[in-house]
């Protein structure tokens, strides 16, 4: 047990030290994580923009779709008033899951021993 404590991964320690000391390598690693998170946020923002922002375009281009009723409720009200909330929750859940995966990949990269 004591042998395990004394035996540490020097490469992983070096990567953590570069992050802590904010060297060029550490800054590049953090910048890569920030870019990945920003790209994820922009992609999912585009999904929301197309998903919700495209509905008014659909109703303007095809007015007959806007006059459809489902269970006595007009389709635009149903989509924008009821279906939009589960859609936004699903996109939010996907963002959190994918952002955590990005962070886990970053942590694995920092702790990975070099060869």
C-alpha atoms as a PDB file:
ATOM      1  CA  UNK A   1       0.000   0.000   0.000  1.00  0.00           C
ATOM      2  CA  UNK A   2       2.790   2.438   0.822  1.00  0.00           C
ATOM      3  CA  UNK A   3       4.488   1.487  -2.429  1.00  0.00           C
ATOM      4  CA  UNK A   4       1.395   2.628  -4.314  1.00  0.00           C
ATOM      5  CA  UNK A   5       1.447   5.994  -2.561  1.00  0.00           C
ATOM      6  CA  UNK A   6       5.115   6.574  -3.289  1.00  0.00           C
ATOM      7  CA  UNK A   7       4.729   5.455  -6.913  1.00  0.00           C
ATOM      8  CA  UNK A   8       3.073   8.367  -8.705  1.00  0.00           C
ATOM      9  CA  UNK A   9       2.760   9.099 -12.382  1.00  0.00           C
ATOM     10  CA  UNK A  10       5.347  11.802 -13.101  1.00  0.00           C
ATOM     11  CA  UNK A  11       3.874  12.654 -16.522  1.00  0.00           C
ATOM     12  CA  UNK A  12       0.417  13.281 -15.095  1.00  0.00           C
ATOM     13  CA  UNK A  13       1.965  15.348 -12.304  1.00  0.00           C
ATOM     14  CA  UNK A  14       3.866  17.377 -14.894  1.00  0.00           C
ATOM     15  CA  UNK A  15       0.700  18.079 -16.893  1.00  0.00           C
ATOM     16  CA  UNK A  16      -1.119  19.163 -13.728  1.00  0.00           C
ATOM     17  CA  UNK A  17       1.834  21.381 -12.800  1.00  0.00           C
ATOM     18  CA  UNK A  18       1.747  23.020 -16.226  1.00  0.00           C
ATOM     19  CA  UNK A  19      -1.935  23.754 -15.737  1.00  0.00           C
ATOM     20  CA  UNK A  20      -1.370  25.126 -12.247  1.00  0.00           C
ATOM     21  CA  UNK A  21       1.612  27.247 -13.305  1.00  0.00           C
ATOM     22  CA  UNK A  22      -0.223  28.475 -16.410  1.00  0.00           C
ATOM     23  CA  UNK A  23       2.556  27.623 -18.829  1.00  0.00           C
ATOM     24  CA  UNK A  24       2.050  27.728 -22.593  1.00  0.00           C
ATOM     25  CA  UNK A  25       1.138  24.059 -22.642  1.00  0.00           C
ATOM     26  CA  UNK A  26      -1.325  24.521 -19.791  1.00  0.00           C
ATOM     27  CA  UNK A  27      -2.868  27.539 -21.485  1.00  0.00           C
ATOM     28  CA  UNK A  28      -3.195  25.583 -24.735  1.00  0.00           C
ATOM     29  CA  UNK A  29      -4.926  22.735 -22.925  1.00  0.00           C
ATOM     30  CA  UNK A  30      -7.382  25.066 -21.212  1.00  0.00           C
ATOM     31  CA  UNK A  31      -7.945  26.998 -24.435  1.00  0.00           C
ATOM     32  CA  UNK A  32      -8.797  23.713 -26.166  1.00  0.00           C
ATOM     33  CA  UNK A  33     -11.359  22.888 -23.476  1.00  0.00           C
ATOM     34  CA  UNK A  34     -12.912  26.357 -23.713  1.00  0.00           C
ATOM     35  CA  UNK A  35     -13.113  26.054 -27.518  1.00  0.00           C
ATOM     36  CA  UNK A  36     -14.758  22.645 -27.245  1.00  0.00           C
ATOM     37  CA  UNK A  37     -17.333  23.967 -24.773  1.00  0.00           C
ATOM     38  CA  UNK A  38     -17.995  27.040 -26.924  1.00  0.00           C
ATOM     39  CA  UNK A  39     -18.408  24.927 -30.056  1.00  0.00           C
ATOM     40  CA  UNK A  40     -20.850  22.689 -28.207  1.00  0.00           C
ATOM     41  CA  UNK A  41     -22.860  25.668 -26.969  1.00  0.00           C
ATOM     42  CA  UNK A  42     -22.996  27.176 -30.462  1.00  0.00           C
ATOM     43  CA  UNK A  43     -24.065  23.894 -32.069  1.00  0.00           C
ATOM     44  CA  UNK A  44     -26.879  23.366 -29.582  1.00  0.00           C
ATOM     45  CA  UNK A  45     -27.913  27.025 -29.876  1.00  0.00           C
ATOM     46  CA  UNK A  46     -28.226  26.445 -33.600  1.00  0.00           C
ATOM     47  CA  UNK A  47     -30.419  23.398 -32.923  1.00  0.00           C
ATOM     48  CA  UNK A  48     -32.715  25.520 -30.741  1.00  0.00           C
ATOM     49  CA  UNK A  49     -32.715  28.364 -33.264  1.00  0.00           C
ATOM     50  CA  UNK A  50     -33.679  26.054 -36.105  1.00  0.00           C
ATOM     51  CA  UNK A  51     -36.091  24.014 -34.000  1.00  0.00           C
ATOM     52  CA  UNK A  52     -38.024  26.881 -32.442  1.00  0.00           C
ATOM     53  CA  UNK A  53     -37.135  29.750 -34.754  1.00  0.00           C
ATOM     54  CA  UNK A  54     -38.071  27.704 -37.789  1.00  0.00           C
ATOM     55  CA  UNK A  55     -41.652  27.238 -36.644  1.00  0.00           C
ATOM     56  CA  UNK A  56     -42.792  30.803 -37.459  1.00  0.00           C
ATOM     57  CA  UNK A  57     -41.160  30.415 -40.886  1.00  0.00           C
ATOM     58  CA  UNK A  58     -43.034  27.157 -41.391  1.00  0.00           C
ATOM     59  CA  UNK A  59     -46.340  28.769 -40.481  1.00  0.00           C
ATOM     60  CA  UNK A  60     -45.625  31.756 -42.746  1.00  0.00           C
ATOM     61  CA  UNK A  61     -44.577  29.637 -45.717  1.00  0.00           C
ATOM     62  CA  UNK A  62     -47.361  27.061 -45.297  1.00  0.00           C
ATOM     63  CA  UNK A  63     -50.344  28.814 -43.684  1.00  0.00           C
ATOM     64  CA  UNK A  64     -52.416  25.654 -43.966  1.00  0.00           C
ATOM     65  CA  UNK A  65     -50.101  23.992 -41.405  1.00  0.00           C
ATOM     66  CA  UNK A  66     -50.871  26.808 -38.981  1.00  0.00           C
ATOM     67  CA  UNK A  67     -54.591  26.111 -39.282  1.00  0.00           C
ATOM     68  CA  UNK A  68     -54.297  22.419 -38.332  1.00  0.00           C
ATOM     69  CA  UNK A  69     -55.904  21.493 -35.025  1.00  0.00           C
ATOM     70  CA  UNK A  70     -54.910  18.606 -32.783  1.00  0.00           C
ATOM     71  CA  UNK A  71     -57.294  17.684 -29.953  1.00  0.00           C
ATOM     72  CA  UNK A  72     -59.081  20.986 -30.559  1.00  0.00           C
ATOM     73  CA  UNK A  73     -55.868  23.040 -30.153  1.00  0.00           C
ATOM     74  CA  UNK A  74     -54.248  24.905 -33.031  1.00  0.00           C
ATOM     75  CA  UNK A  75     -50.924  23.353 -34.022  1.00  0.00           C
ATOM     76  CA  UNK A  76     -48.873  26.556 -33.513  1.00  0.00           C
ATOM     77  CA  UNK A  77     -50.126  26.870 -29.932  1.00  0.00           C
ATOM     78  CA  UNK A  78     -49.481  23.206 -29.290  1.00  0.00           C
ATOM     79  CA  UNK A  79     -45.934  23.318 -30.665  1.00  0.00           C
ATOM     80  CA  UNK A  80     -44.855  26.633 -29.178  1.00  0.00           C
ATOM     81  CA  UNK A  81     -46.787  26.401 -25.919  1.00  0.00           C
ATOM     82  CA  UNK A  82     -46.447  22.759 -25.002  1.00  0.00           C
ATOM     83  CA  UNK A  83     -43.896  20.879 -27.083  1.00  0.00           C
ATOM     84  CA  UNK A  84     -41.231  23.585 -26.844  1.00  0.00           C
ATOM     85  CA  UNK A  85     -40.627  22.975 -23.125  1.00  0.00           C
ATOM     86  CA  UNK A  86     -39.686  19.290 -23.383  1.00  0.00           C
ATOM     87  CA  UNK A  87     -37.561  20.204 -26.421  1.00  0.00           C
ATOM     88  CA  UNK A  88     -35.661  22.840 -24.422  1.00  0.00           C
ATOM     89  CA  UNK A  89     -35.243  20.475 -21.476  1.00  0.00           C
ATOM     90  CA  UNK A  90     -33.855  17.794 -23.806  1.00  0.00           C
ATOM     91  CA  UNK A  91     -31.395  20.253 -25.363  1.00  0.00           C
ATOM     92  CA  UNK A  92     -30.335  21.413 -21.893  1.00  0.00           C
ATOM     93  CA  UNK A  93     -29.847  17.820 -20.747  1.00  0.00           C
ATOM     94  CA  UNK A  94     -27.822  17.071 -23.894  1.00  0.00           C
ATOM     95  CA  UNK A  95     -25.656  20.146 -23.269  1.00  0.00           C
ATOM     96  CA  UNK A  96     -24.883  19.155 -19.683  1.00  0.00           C
ATOM     97  CA  UNK A  97     -24.124  15.556 -20.686  1.00  0.00           C
ATOM     98  CA  UNK A  98     -21.869  16.569 -23.592  1.00  0.00           C
ATOM     99  CA  UNK A  99     -20.134  19.320 -21.585  1.00  0.00           C
ATOM    100  CA  UNK A 100     -19.352  16.840 -18.823  1.00  0.00           C
ATOM    101  CA  UNK A 101     -18.000  14.453 -21.445  1.00  0.00           C
ATOM    102  CA  UNK A 102     -15.742  17.242 -22.772  1.00  0.00           C
ATOM    103  CA  UNK A 103     -14.480  17.884 -19.262  1.00  0.00           C
ATOM    104  CA  UNK A 104     -13.893  14.169 -18.675  1.00  0.00           C
ATOM    105  CA  UNK A 105     -11.931  13.974 -21.941  1.00  0.00           C
ATOM    106  CA  UNK A 106      -9.875  16.955 -20.769  1.00  0.00           C
ATOM    107  CA  UNK A 107      -9.225  15.309 -17.403  1.00  0.00           C
ATOM    108  CA  UNK A 108      -8.233  12.057 -19.116  1.00  0.00           C
ATOM    109  CA  UNK A 109      -5.881  13.978 -21.384  1.00  0.00           C
ATOM    110  CA  UNK A 110      -4.220  15.731 -18.453  1.00  0.00           C
ATOM    111  CA  UNK A 111      -3.881  12.550 -16.397  1.00  0.00           C
ATOM    112  CA  UNK A 112      -2.796  10.349 -19.299  1.00  0.00           C
ATOM    113  CA  UNK A 113       0.818   9.234 -19.047  1.00  0.00           C
ATOM    114  CA  UNK A 114       2.965  10.261 -21.995  1.00  0.00           C
ATOM    115  CA  UNK A 115       4.716   7.590 -23.990  1.00  0.00           C
END
